[in-house]
Amino acid sequence: MTEQYLQAIRQRVCARCIDTDGKGNCMLHYNEYCAVEEFLPEIIRSIQKVTSDKVEDYVVELRNFVCTECRHQTENGTCIVRNNLDCGLDRYFPLIIEAVEEVDAARRSA
């Protein structure tokens, strides 16, 4: 089920990601991980819980449902990776929302 979402995200996000080789191939080091792939099911569910024209509404759900599970976020809700603008999930979240909603719309019309 998540494969369609992953493909849509790879087309929309990975091709633009600064952590790729320009062809969509991830270049993260062995000790790093892509939060998008790590938390994909949770990301999809958090996006599907929101219906809004405001990205901020989706971000609230992301922070409450996904970021709380990330090893980089502290108990008080701060995240050094996000604060340093190094979180790919945070950086590309609007594009991820578009990709997930595009797949959902295609499924509804099929």
PDB file of N, CA and C in Angstrom:
ATOM      1  N   MET A   1       0.811  -1.191   0.000  1.00  0.00           N
ATOM      2  CA  MET A   1       0.000   0.000   0.000  1.00  0.00           C
ATOM      3  C   MET A   1       0.864   1.269   0.000  1.00  0.00           C
ATOM      4  N   THR A   2       1.900   1.275   0.789  1.00  0.00           N
ATOM      5  CA  THR A   2       2.726   2.475   0.873  1.00  0.00           C
ATOM      6  C   THR A   2       3.608   2.659  -0.358  1.00  0.00           C
ATOM      7  N   GLU A   3       3.714   1.646  -1.190  1.00  0.00           N
ATOM      8  CA  GLU A   3       4.588   1.735  -2.365  1.00  0.00           C
ATOM      9  C   GLU A   3       4.158   2.859  -3.311  1.00  0.00           C
ATOM     10  N   GLN A   4       2.858   3.022  -3.523  1.00  0.00           N
ATOM     11  CA  GLN A   4       2.378   4.107  -4.384  1.00  0.00           C
ATOM     12  C   GLN A   4       2.770   5.473  -3.818  1.00  0.00           C
ATOM     13  N   TYR A   5       2.637   5.612  -2.521  1.00  0.00           N
ATOM     14  CA  TYR A   5       3.008   6.869  -1.871  1.00  0.00           C
ATOM     15  C   TYR A   5       4.506   7.112  -1.988  1.00  0.00           C
ATOM     16  N   LEU A   6       5.285   6.068  -1.761  1.00  0.00           N
ATOM     17  CA  LEU A   6       6.739   6.205  -1.845  1.00  0.00           C
ATOM     18  C   LEU A   6       7.164   6.608  -3.249  1.00  0.00           C
ATOM     19  N   GLN A   7       6.563   6.014  -4.251  1.00  0.00           N
ATOM     20  CA  GLN A   7       6.897   6.367  -5.641  1.00  0.00           C
ATOM     21  C   GLN A   7       6.533   7.829  -5.935  1.00  0.00           C
ATOM     22  N   ALA A   8       5.374   8.253  -5.483  1.00  0.00           N
ATOM     23  CA  ALA A   8       4.954   9.644  -5.703  1.00  0.00           C
ATOM     24  C   ALA A   8       5.892  10.610  -4.994  1.00  0.00           C
ATOM     25  N   ILE A   9       6.296  10.259  -3.779  1.00  0.00           N
ATOM     26  CA  ILE A   9       7.215  11.109  -3.027  1.00  0.00           C
ATOM     27  C   ILE A   9       8.583  11.138  -3.698  1.00  0.00           C
ATOM     28  N   ARG A  10       9.048   9.998  -4.151  1.00  0.00           N
ATOM     29  CA  ARG A  10      10.345   9.968  -4.835  1.00  0.00           C
ATOM     30  C   ARG A  10      10.332  10.849  -6.083  1.00  0.00           C
ATOM     31  N   GLN A  11       9.250  10.831  -6.831  1.00  0.00           N
ATOM     32  CA  GLN A  11       9.165  11.658  -8.036  1.00  0.00           C
ATOM     33  C   GLN A  11       9.101  13.145  -7.694  1.00  0.00           C
ATOM     34  N   ARG A  12       8.338  13.477  -6.665  1.00  0.00           N
ATOM     35  CA  ARG A  12       8.099  14.878  -6.339  1.00  0.00           C
ATOM     36  C   ARG A  12       9.182  15.458  -5.431  1.00  0.00           C
ATOM     37  N   VAL A  13       9.732  14.648  -4.533  1.00  0.00           N
ATOM     38  CA  VAL A  13      10.648  15.153  -3.503  1.00  0.00           C
ATOM     39  C   VAL A  13      12.094  14.738  -3.738  1.00  0.00           C
ATOM     40  N   CYS A  14      12.330  13.459  -3.887  1.00  0.00           N
ATOM     41  CA  CYS A  14      13.708  12.963  -3.962  1.00  0.00           C
ATOM     42  C   CYS A  14      14.473  13.573  -5.133  1.00  0.00           C
ATOM     43  N   ALA A  15      13.787  13.843  -6.205  1.00  0.00           N
ATOM     44  CA  ALA A  15      14.443  14.460  -7.357  1.00  0.00           C
ATOM     45  C   ALA A  15      14.962  15.860  -7.029  1.00  0.00           C
ATOM     46  N   ARG A  16      14.398  16.496  -6.008  1.00  0.00           N
ATOM     47  CA  ARG A  16      14.793  17.862  -5.624  1.00  0.00           C
ATOM     48  C   ARG A  16      15.628  17.910  -4.349  1.00  0.00           C
ATOM     49  N   CYS A  17      15.726  16.804  -3.672  1.00  0.00           N
ATOM     50  CA  CYS A  17      16.370  16.760  -2.358  1.00  0.00           C
ATOM     51  C   CYS A  17      17.858  17.081  -2.465  1.00  0.00           C
ATOM     52  N   ILE A  18      18.359  17.855  -1.502  1.00  0.00           N
ATOM     53  CA  ILE A  18      19.779  18.216  -1.508  1.00  0.00           C
ATOM     54  C   ILE A  18      20.665  17.046  -1.077  1.00  0.00           C
ATOM     55  N   ASP A  19      20.048  15.978  -0.571  1.00  0.00           N
ATOM     56  CA  ASP A  19      20.807  14.810  -0.141  1.00  0.00           C
ATOM     57  C   ASP A  19      20.834  13.714  -1.207  1.00  0.00           C
ATOM     58  N   THR A  20      20.579  14.083  -2.459  1.00  0.00           N
ATOM     59  CA  THR A  20      20.658  13.108  -3.545  1.00  0.00           C
ATOM     60  C   THR A  20      21.737  13.517  -4.533  1.00  0.00           C
ATOM     61  N   ASP A  21      21.970  12.632  -5.470  1.00  0.00           N
ATOM     62  CA  ASP A  21      22.997  12.880  -6.479  1.00  0.00           C
ATOM     63  C   ASP A  21      22.478  13.650  -7.685  1.00  0.00           C
ATOM     64  N   GLY A  22      21.290  14.200  -7.591  1.00  0.00           N
ATOM     65  CA  GLY A  22      20.693  14.931  -8.700  1.00  0.00           C
ATOM     66  C   GLY A  22      19.837  14.054  -9.592  1.00  0.00           C
ATOM     67  N   LYS A  23      19.905  12.744  -9.355  1.00  0.00           N
ATOM     68  CA  LYS A  23      19.102  11.790 -10.117  1.00  0.00           C
ATOM     69  C   LYS A  23      18.087  11.084  -9.222  1.00  0.00           C
ATOM     70  N   GLY A  24      17.999  11.560  -7.980  1.00  0.00           N
ATOM     71  CA  GLY A  24      17.058  10.964  -7.040  1.00  0.00           C
ATOM     72  C   GLY A  24      17.637   9.853  -6.191  1.00  0.00           C
ATOM     73  N   ASN A  25      18.921   9.549  -6.348  1.00  0.00           N
ATOM     74  CA  ASN A  25      19.558   8.504  -5.550  1.00  0.00           C
ATOM     75  C   ASN A  25      20.083   9.105  -4.248  1.00  0.00           C
ATOM     76  N   CYS A  26      19.653   8.546  -3.139  1.00  0.00           N
ATOM     77  CA  CYS A  26      19.997   9.085  -1.829  1.00  0.00           C
ATOM     78  C   CYS A  26      21.496   8.966  -1.566  1.00  0.00           C
ATOM     79  N   MET A  27      22.056  10.043  -1.046  1.00  0.00           N
ATOM     80  CA  MET A  27      23.488  10.082  -0.757  1.00  0.00           C
ATOM     81  C   MET A  27      23.765  10.258   0.743  1.00  0.00           C
ATOM     82  N   LEU A  28      22.776   9.952   1.575  1.00  0.00           N
ATOM     83  CA  LEU A  28      22.996  10.047   3.009  1.00  0.00           C
ATOM     84  C   LEU A  28      24.052   9.033   3.427  1.00  0.00           C
ATOM     85  N   HIS A  29      24.839   9.379   4.412  1.00  0.00           N
ATOM     86  CA  HIS A  29      25.881   8.495   4.915  1.00  0.00           C
ATOM     87  C   HIS A  29      25.264   7.324   5.668  1.00  0.00           C
ATOM     88  N   TYR A  30      26.033   6.286   5.889  1.00  0.00           N
ATOM     89  CA  TYR A  30      25.532   5.069   6.523  1.00  0.00           C
ATOM     90  C   TYR A  30      24.928   5.298   7.906  1.00  0.00           C
ATOM     91  N   ASN A  31      25.393   6.305   8.631  1.00  0.00           N
ATOM     92  CA  ASN A  31      24.873   6.550   9.977  1.00  0.00           C
ATOM     93  C   ASN A  31      23.708   7.537   9.988  1.00  0.00           C
ATOM     94  N   GLU A  32      23.262   7.985   8.829  1.00  0.00           N
ATOM     95  CA  GLU A  32      22.119   8.874   8.715  1.00  0.00           C
ATOM     96  C   GLU A  32      20.947   8.094   8.130  1.00  0.00           C
ATOM     97  N   TYR A  33      19.780   8.641   8.287  1.00  0.00           N
ATOM     98  CA  TYR A  33      18.613   7.998   7.696  1.00  0.00           C
ATOM     99  C   TYR A  33      17.652   9.051   7.183  1.00  0.00           C
ATOM    100  N   CYS A  34      16.852   8.651   6.242  1.00  0.00           N
ATOM    101  CA  CYS A  34      15.849   9.533   5.674  1.00  0.00           C
ATOM    102  C   CYS A  34      14.571   9.388   6.499  1.00  0.00           C
ATOM    103  N   ALA A  35      14.176  10.457   7.150  1.00  0.00           N
ATOM    104  CA  ALA A  35      12.974  10.422   7.988  1.00  0.00           C
ATOM    105  C   ALA A  35      11.724  10.124   7.164  1.00  0.00           C
ATOM    106  N   VAL A  36      11.740  10.506   5.904  1.00  0.00           N
ATOM    107  CA  VAL A  36      10.578  10.242   5.053  1.00  0.00           C
ATOM    108  C   VAL A  36      10.365   8.743   4.906  1.00  0.00           C
ATOM    109  N   GLU A  37      11.417   8.018   4.601  1.00  0.00           N
ATOM    110  CA  GLU A  37      11.278   6.568   4.459  1.00  0.00           C
ATOM    111  C   GLU A  37      11.112   5.887   5.809  1.00  0.00           C
ATOM    112  N   GLU A  38      11.784   6.372   6.823  1.00  0.00           N
ATOM    113  CA  GLU A  38      11.711   5.784   8.165  1.00  0.00           C
ATOM    114  C   GLU A  38      10.291   5.837   8.725  1.00  0.00           C
ATOM    115  N   PHE A  39       9.596   6.936   8.493  1.00  0.00           N
ATOM    116  CA  PHE A  39       8.278   7.151   9.096  1.00  0.00           C
ATOM    117  C   PHE A  39       7.156   7.235   8.066  1.00  0.00           C
ATOM    118  N   LEU A  40       7.342   6.668   6.904  1.00  0.00           N
ATOM    119  CA  LEU A  40       6.362   6.827   5.827  1.00  0.00           C
ATOM    120  C   LEU A  40       4.927   6.474   6.234  1.00  0.00           C
ATOM    121  N   PRO A  41       4.656   5.330   6.842  1.00  0.00           N
ATOM    122  CA  PRO A  41       3.256   5.043   7.215  1.00  0.00           C
ATOM    123  C   PRO A  41       2.674   6.086   8.167  1.00  0.00           C
ATOM    124  N   GLU A  42       3.487   6.542   9.121  1.00  0.00           N
ATOM    125  CA  GLU A  42       3.028   7.547  10.070  1.00  0.00           C
ATOM    126  C   GLU A  42       2.797   8.899   9.383  1.00  0.00           C
ATOM    127  N   ILE A  43       3.664   9.227   8.437  1.00  0.00           N
ATOM    128  CA  ILE A  43       3.515  10.478   7.680  1.00  0.00           C
ATOM    129  C   ILE A  43       2.217  10.454   6.885  1.00  0.00           C
ATOM    130  N   ILE A  44       1.966   9.349   6.205  1.00  0.00           N
ATOM    131  CA  ILE A  44       0.746   9.219   5.409  1.00  0.00           C
ATOM    132  C   ILE A  44      -0.482   9.391   6.296  1.00  0.00           C
ATOM    133  N   ARG A  45      -0.510   8.681   7.417  1.00  0.00           N
ATOM    134  CA  ARG A  45      -1.668   8.782   8.322  1.00  0.00           C
ATOM    135  C   ARG A  45      -1.831  10.192   8.865  1.00  0.00           C
ATOM    136  N   SER A  46      -0.733  10.852   9.203  1.00  0.00           N
ATOM    137  CA  SER A  46      -0.855  12.212   9.752  1.00  0.00           C
ATOM    138  C   SER A  46      -1.413  13.173   8.714  1.00  0.00           C
ATOM    139  N   ILE A  47      -1.015  13.015   7.461  1.00  0.00           N
ATOM    140  CA  ILE A  47      -1.529  13.874   6.394  1.00  0.00           C
ATOM    141  C   ILE A  47      -3.007  13.589   6.147  1.00  0.00           C
ATOM    142  N   GLN A  48      -3.375  12.320   6.159  1.00  0.00           N
ATOM    143  CA  GLN A  48      -4.756  11.940   5.881  1.00  0.00           C
ATOM    144  C   GLN A  48      -5.721  12.369   6.981  1.00  0.00           C
ATOM    145  N   LYS A  49      -5.209  12.686   8.154  1.00  0.00           N
ATOM    146  CA  LYS A  49      -6.060  13.131   9.258  1.00  0.00           C
ATOM    147  C   LYS A  49      -6.463  14.597   9.133  1.00  0.00           C
ATOM    148  N   VAL A  50      -5.828  15.328   8.205  1.00  0.00           N
ATOM    149  CA  VAL A  50      -6.036  16.771   8.096  1.00  0.00           C
ATOM    150  C   VAL A  50      -6.699  17.103   6.762  1.00  0.00           C
ATOM    151  N   THR A  51      -7.634  18.020   6.806  1.00  0.00           N
ATOM    152  CA  THR A  51      -8.208  18.612   5.605  1.00  0.00           C
ATOM    153  C   THR A  51      -8.125  20.120   5.798  1.00  0.00           C
ATOM    154  N   SER A  52      -7.201  20.755   5.083  1.00  0.00           N
ATOM    155  CA  SER A  52      -6.984  22.178   5.280  1.00  0.00           C
ATOM    156  C   SER A  52      -6.228  22.762   4.098  1.00  0.00           C
ATOM    157  N   ASP A  53      -6.371  24.058   3.922  1.00  0.00           N
ATOM    158  CA  ASP A  53      -5.587  24.777   2.926  1.00  0.00           C
ATOM    159  C   ASP A  53      -4.301  25.323   3.533  1.00  0.00           C
ATOM    160  N   LYS A  54      -4.139  25.147   4.841  1.00  0.00           N
ATOM    161  CA  LYS A  54      -2.988  25.693   5.550  1.00  0.00           C
ATOM    162  C   LYS A  54      -1.977  24.591   5.873  1.00  0.00           C
ATOM    163  N   VAL A  55      -0.759  24.758   5.417  1.00  0.00           N
ATOM    164  CA  VAL A  55       0.307  23.807   5.706  1.00  0.00           C
ATOM    165  C   VAL A  55       0.518  23.697   7.215  1.00  0.00           C
ATOM    166  N   GLU A  56       0.335  24.796   7.923  1.00  0.00           N
ATOM    167  CA  GLU A  56       0.540  24.812   9.365  1.00  0.00           C
ATOM    168  C   GLU A  56      -0.325  23.774  10.079  1.00  0.00           C
ATOM    169  N   ASP A  57      -1.538  23.541   9.586  1.00  0.00           N
ATOM    170  CA  ASP A  57      -2.411  22.540  10.191  1.00  0.00           C
ATOM    171  C   ASP A  57      -1.828  21.137  10.035  1.00  0.00           C
ATOM    172  N   TYR A  58      -1.226  20.887   8.905  1.00  0.00           N
ATOM    173  CA  TYR A  58      -0.569  19.602   8.666  1.00  0.00           C
ATOM    174  C   TYR A  58       0.689  19.466   9.531  1.00  0.00           C
ATOM    175  N   VAL A  59       1.404  20.559   9.705  1.00  0.00           N
ATOM    176  CA  VAL A  59       2.635  20.546  10.504  1.00  0.00           C
ATOM    177  C   VAL A  59       2.317  20.217  11.960  1.00  0.00           C
ATOM    178  N   VAL A  60       1.222  20.737  12.484  1.00  0.00           N
ATOM    179  CA  VAL A  60       0.829  20.425  13.858  1.00  0.00           C
ATOM    180  C   VAL A  60       0.657  18.920  14.012  1.00  0.00           C
ATOM    181  N   GLU A  61      -0.028  18.314  13.075  1.00  0.00           N
ATOM    182  CA  GLU A  61      -0.248  16.867  13.126  1.00  0.00           C
ATOM    183  C   GLU A  61       1.077  16.115  12.964  1.00  0.00           C
ATOM    184  N   LEU A  62       1.933  16.587  12.086  1.00  0.00           N
ATOM    185  CA  LEU A  62       3.256  15.983  11.896  1.00  0.00           C
ATOM    186  C   LEU A  62       4.041  15.998  13.203  1.00  0.00           C
ATOM    187  N   ARG A  63       4.086  17.151  13.851  1.00  0.00           N
ATOM    188  CA  ARG A  63       4.836  17.280  15.108  1.00  0.00           C
ATOM    189  C   ARG A  63       4.283  16.348  16.185  1.00  0.00           C
ATOM    190  N   ASN A  64       2.964  16.248  16.267  1.00  0.00           N
ATOM    191  CA  ASN A  64       2.329  15.437  17.313  1.00  0.00           C
ATOM    192  C   ASN A  64       2.380  13.941  17.035  1.00  0.00           C
ATOM    193  N   PHE A  65       2.382  13.558  15.789  1.00  0.00           N
ATOM    194  CA  PHE A  65       2.222  12.149  15.448  1.00  0.00           C
ATOM    195  C   PHE A  65       3.511  11.507  14.935  1.00  0.00           C
ATOM    196  N   VAL A  66       4.371  12.274  14.280  1.00  0.00           N
ATOM    197  CA  VAL A  66       5.580  11.715  13.673  1.00  0.00           C
ATOM    198  C   VAL A  66       6.835  12.168  14.415  1.00  0.00           C
ATOM    199  N   CYS A  67       6.988  13.455  14.592  1.00  0.00           N
ATOM    200  CA  CYS A  67       8.212  13.974  15.215  1.00  0.00           C
ATOM    201  C   CYS A  67       8.417  13.434  16.625  1.00  0.00           C
ATOM    202  N   THR A  68       7.334  13.161  17.330  1.00  0.00           N
ATOM    203  CA  THR A  68       7.460  12.621  18.684  1.00  0.00           C
ATOM    204  C   THR A  68       8.106  11.243  18.695  1.00  0.00           C
ATOM    205  N   GLU A  69       8.085  10.554  17.565  1.00  0.00           N
ATOM    206  CA  GLU A  69       8.690   9.222  17.457  1.00  0.00           C
ATOM    207  C   GLU A  69      10.134   9.273  16.976  1.00  0.00           C
ATOM    208  N   CYS A  70      10.571  10.408  16.499  1.00  0.00           N
ATOM    209  CA  CYS A  70      11.908  10.550  15.930  1.00  0.00           C
ATOM    210  C   CYS A  70      12.960  10.618  17.031  1.00  0.00           C
ATOM    211  N   ARG A  71      14.065   9.962  16.816  1.00  0.00           N
ATOM    212  CA  ARG A  71      15.132   9.920  17.826  1.00  0.00           C
ATOM    213  C   ARG A  71      15.817  11.268  18.008  1.00  0.00           C
ATOM    214  N   HIS A  72      15.623  12.196  17.092  1.00  0.00           N
ATOM    215  CA  HIS A  72      16.272  13.497  17.184  1.00  0.00           C
ATOM    216  C   HIS A  72      15.488  14.509  18.017  1.00  0.00           C
ATOM    217  N   GLN A  73      14.212  14.257  18.218  1.00  0.00           N
ATOM    218  CA  GLN A  73      13.415  15.203  18.998  1.00  0.00           C
ATOM    219  C   GLN A  73      13.566  14.899  20.488  1.00  0.00           C
ATOM    220  N   THR A  74      13.766  15.930  21.264  1.00  0.00           N
ATOM    221  CA  THR A  74      13.912  15.767  22.705  1.00  0.00           C
ATOM    222  C   THR A  74      12.543  15.710  23.374  1.00  0.00           C
ATOM    223  N   GLU A  75      12.533  15.411  24.654  1.00  0.00           N
ATOM    224  CA  GLU A  75      11.282  15.325  25.402  1.00  0.00           C
ATOM    225  C   GLU A  75      10.531  16.649  25.440  1.00  0.00           C
ATOM    226  N   ASN A  76      11.254  17.755  25.357  1.00  0.00           N
ATOM    227  CA  ASN A  76      10.573  19.059  25.406  1.00  0.00           C
ATOM    228  C   ASN A  76      10.130  19.532  24.014  1.00  0.00           C
ATOM    229  N   GLY A  77      10.289  18.681  22.985  1.00  0.00           N
ATOM    230  CA  GLY A  77       9.784  18.997  21.655  1.00  0.00           C
ATOM    231  C   GLY A  77      10.762  19.698  20.736  1.00  0.00           C
ATOM    232  N   THR A  78      11.969  19.947  21.207  1.00  0.00           N
ATOM    233  CA  THR A  78      12.961  20.579  20.336  1.00  0.00           C
ATOM    234  C   THR A  78      13.672  19.514  19.512  1.00  0.00           C
ATOM    235  N   CYS A  79      14.191  19.932  18.396  1.00  0.00           N
ATOM    236  CA  CYS A  79      14.893  19.007  17.502  1.00  0.00           C
ATOM    237  C   CYS A  79      16.068  19.742  16.881  1.00  0.00           C
ATOM    238  N   ILE A  80      17.256  19.297  17.177  1.00  0.00           N
ATOM    239  CA  ILE A  80      18.448  19.960  16.653  1.00  0.00           C
ATOM    240  C   ILE A  80      18.539  19.812  15.138  1.00  0.00           C
ATOM    241  N   VAL A  81      18.105  18.689  14.619  1.00  0.00           N
ATOM    242  CA  VAL A  81      18.145  18.466  13.171  1.00  0.00           C
ATOM    243  C   VAL A  81      17.202  19.433  12.473  1.00  0.00           C
ATOM    244  N   ARG A  82      16.000  19.545  12.982  1.00  0.00           N
ATOM    245  CA  ARG A  82      15.018  20.476  12.420  1.00  0.00           C
ATOM    246  C   ARG A  82      15.478  21.918  12.601  1.00  0.00           C
ATOM    247  N   ASN A  83      16.002  22.241  13.771  1.00  0.00           N
ATOM    248  CA  ASN A  83      16.468  23.600  14.039  1.00  0.00           C
ATOM    249  C   ASN A  83      17.638  24.003  13.143  1.00  0.00           C
ATOM    250  N   ASN A  84      18.453  23.039  12.743  1.00  0.00           N
ATOM    251  CA  ASN A  84      19.585  23.301  11.838  1.00  0.00           C
ATOM    252  C   ASN A  84      19.191  23.212  10.367  1.00  0.00           C
ATOM    253  N   LEU A  85      17.888  23.068  10.117  1.00  0.00           N
ATOM    254  CA  LEU A  85      17.346  22.950   8.747  1.00  0.00           C
ATOM    255  C   LEU A  85      17.896  21.738   8.019  1.00  0.00           C
ATOM    256  N   ASP A  86      18.185  20.662   8.763  1.00  0.00           N
ATOM    257  CA  ASP A  86      18.725  19.438   8.180  1.00  0.00           C
ATOM    258  C   ASP A  86      17.722  18.297   8.105  1.00  0.00           C
ATOM    259  N   CYS A  87      16.483  18.546   8.473  1.00  0.00           N
ATOM    260  CA  CYS A  87      15.460  17.499   8.430  1.00  0.00           C
ATOM    261  C   CYS A  87      14.781  17.527   7.061  1.00  0.00           C
ATOM    262  N   GLY A  88      15.018  16.482   6.275  1.00  0.00           N
ATOM    263  CA  GLY A  88      14.402  16.399   4.953  1.00  0.00           C
ATOM    264  C   GLY A  88      12.890  16.346   5.022  1.00  0.00           C
ATOM    265  N   LEU A  89      12.370  15.685   6.036  1.00  0.00           N
ATOM    266  CA  LEU A  89      10.920  15.618   6.208  1.00  0.00           C
ATOM    267  C   LEU A  89      10.348  17.016   6.414  1.00  0.00           C
ATOM    268  N   ASP A  90      10.956  17.777   7.270  1.00  0.00           N
ATOM    269  CA  ASP A  90      10.497  19.133   7.541  1.00  0.00           C
ATOM    270  C   ASP A  90      10.698  20.039   6.320  1.00  0.00           C
ATOM    271  N   ARG A  91      11.839  19.907   5.690  1.00  0.00           N
ATOM    272  CA  ARG A  91      12.201  20.750   4.546  1.00  0.00           C
ATOM    273  C   ARG A  91      11.245  20.549   3.367  1.00  0.00           C
ATOM    274  N   TYR A  92      10.867  19.313   3.119  1.00  0.00           N
ATOM    275  CA  TYR A  92      10.061  19.000   1.936  1.00  0.00           C
ATOM    276  C   TYR A  92       8.611  18.639   2.263  1.00  0.00           C
ATOM    277  N   PHE A  93       8.183  18.941   3.465  1.00  0.00           N
ATOM    278  CA  PHE A  93       6.847  18.524   3.876  1.00  0.00           C
ATOM    279  C   PHE A  93       5.728  19.021   2.967  1.00  0.00           C
ATOM    280  N   PRO A  94       5.736  20.261   2.495  1.00  0.00           N
ATOM    281  CA  PRO A  94       4.662  20.670   1.570  1.00  0.00           C
ATOM    282  C   PRO A  94       4.597  19.795   0.306  1.00  0.00           C
ATOM    283  N   LEU A  95       5.748  19.405  -0.219  1.00  0.00           N
ATOM    284  CA  LEU A  95       5.765  18.529  -1.397  1.00  0.00           C
ATOM    285  C   LEU A  95       5.281  17.127  -1.050  1.00  0.00           C
ATOM    286  N   ILE A  96       5.583  16.688   0.153  1.00  0.00           N
ATOM    287  CA  ILE A  96       5.133  15.367   0.605  1.00  0.00           C
ATOM    288  C   ILE A  96       3.619  15.368   0.755  1.00  0.00           C
ATOM    289  N   ILE A  97       3.075  16.436   1.297  1.00  0.00           N
ATOM    290  CA  ILE A  97       1.618  16.560   1.405  1.00  0.00           C
ATOM    291  C   ILE A  97       0.989  16.449   0.015  1.00  0.00           C
ATOM    292  N   GLU A  98       1.519  17.175  -0.941  1.00  0.00           N
ATOM    293  CA  GLU A  98       0.994  17.134  -2.311  1.00  0.00           C
ATOM    294  C   GLU A  98       1.050  15.724  -2.879  1.00  0.00           C
ATOM    295  N   ALA A  99       2.148  15.027  -2.667  1.00  0.00           N
ATOM    296  CA  ALA A  99       2.297  13.669  -3.209  1.00  0.00           C
ATOM    297  C   ALA A  99       1.282  12.716  -2.590  1.00  0.00           C
ATOM    298  N   VAL A 100       1.115  12.769  -1.276  1.00  0.00           N
ATOM    299  CA  VAL A 100       0.162  11.887  -0.597  1.00  0.00           C
ATOM    300  C   VAL A 100      -1.259  12.199  -1.047  1.00  0.00           C
ATOM    301  N   GLU A 101      -1.606  13.463  -1.114  1.00  0.00           N
ATOM    302  CA  GLU A 101      -2.958  13.826  -1.522  1.00  0.00           C
ATOM    303  C   GLU A 101      -3.214  13.493  -2.988  1.00  0.00           C
ATOM    304  N   GLU A 102      -2.187  13.545  -3.810  1.00  0.00           N
ATOM    305  CA  GLU A 102      -2.314  13.158  -5.217  1.00  0.00           C
ATOM    306  C   GLU A 102      -2.635  11.662  -5.334  1.00  0.00           C
ATOM    307  N   VAL A 103      -1.942  10.834  -4.576  1.00  0.00           N
ATOM    308  CA  VAL A 103      -2.209   9.390  -4.587  1.00  0.00           C
ATOM    309  C   VAL A 103      -3.616   9.117  -4.071  1.00  0.00           C
ATOM    310  N   ASP A 104      -3.996   9.780  -2.983  1.00  0.00           N
ATOM    311  CA  ASP A 104      -5.350   9.582  -2.434  1.00  0.00           C
ATOM    312  C   ASP A 104      -6.427   9.975  -3.437  1.00  0.00           C
ATOM    313  N   ALA A 105      -6.218  11.076  -4.140  1.00  0.00           N
ATOM    314  CA  ALA A 105      -7.206  11.520  -5.135  1.00  0.00           C
ATOM    315  C   ALA A 105      -7.297  10.520  -6.281  1.00  0.00           C
ATOM    316  N   ALA A 106      -6.179   9.992  -6.713  1.00  0.00           N
ATOM    317  CA  ALA A 106      -6.179   9.004  -7.788  1.00  0.00           C
ATOM    318  C   ALA A 106      -6.896   7.725  -7.349  1.00  0.00           C
ATOM    319  N   ARG A 107      -6.709   7.347  -6.119  1.00  0.00           N
ATOM    320  CA  ARG A 107      -7.400   6.150  -5.593  1.00  0.00           C
ATOM    321  C   ARG A 107      -8.907   6.358  -5.510  1.00  0.00           C
ATOM    322  N   ARG A 108      -9.313   7.560  -5.122  1.00  0.00           N
ATOM    323  CA  ARG A 108     -10.764   7.840  -5.029  1.00  0.00           C
ATOM    324  C   ARG A 108     -11.423   7.846  -6.401  1.00  0.00           C
ATOM    325  N   SER A 109     -10.710   8.305  -7.400  1.00  0.00           N
ATOM    326  CA  SER A 109     -11.313   8.395  -8.731  1.00  0.00           C
ATOM    327  C   SER A 109     -11.196   7.108  -9.528  1.00  0.00           C
ATOM    328  N   ALA A 110     -10.460   6.146  -9.031  1.00  0.00           N
ATOM    329  CA  ALA A 110     -10.282   4.867  -9.748  1.00  0.00           C
ATOM    330  C   ALA A 110     -11.464   3.947  -9.576  1.00  0.00           C
TER     331      ALA A 110
END
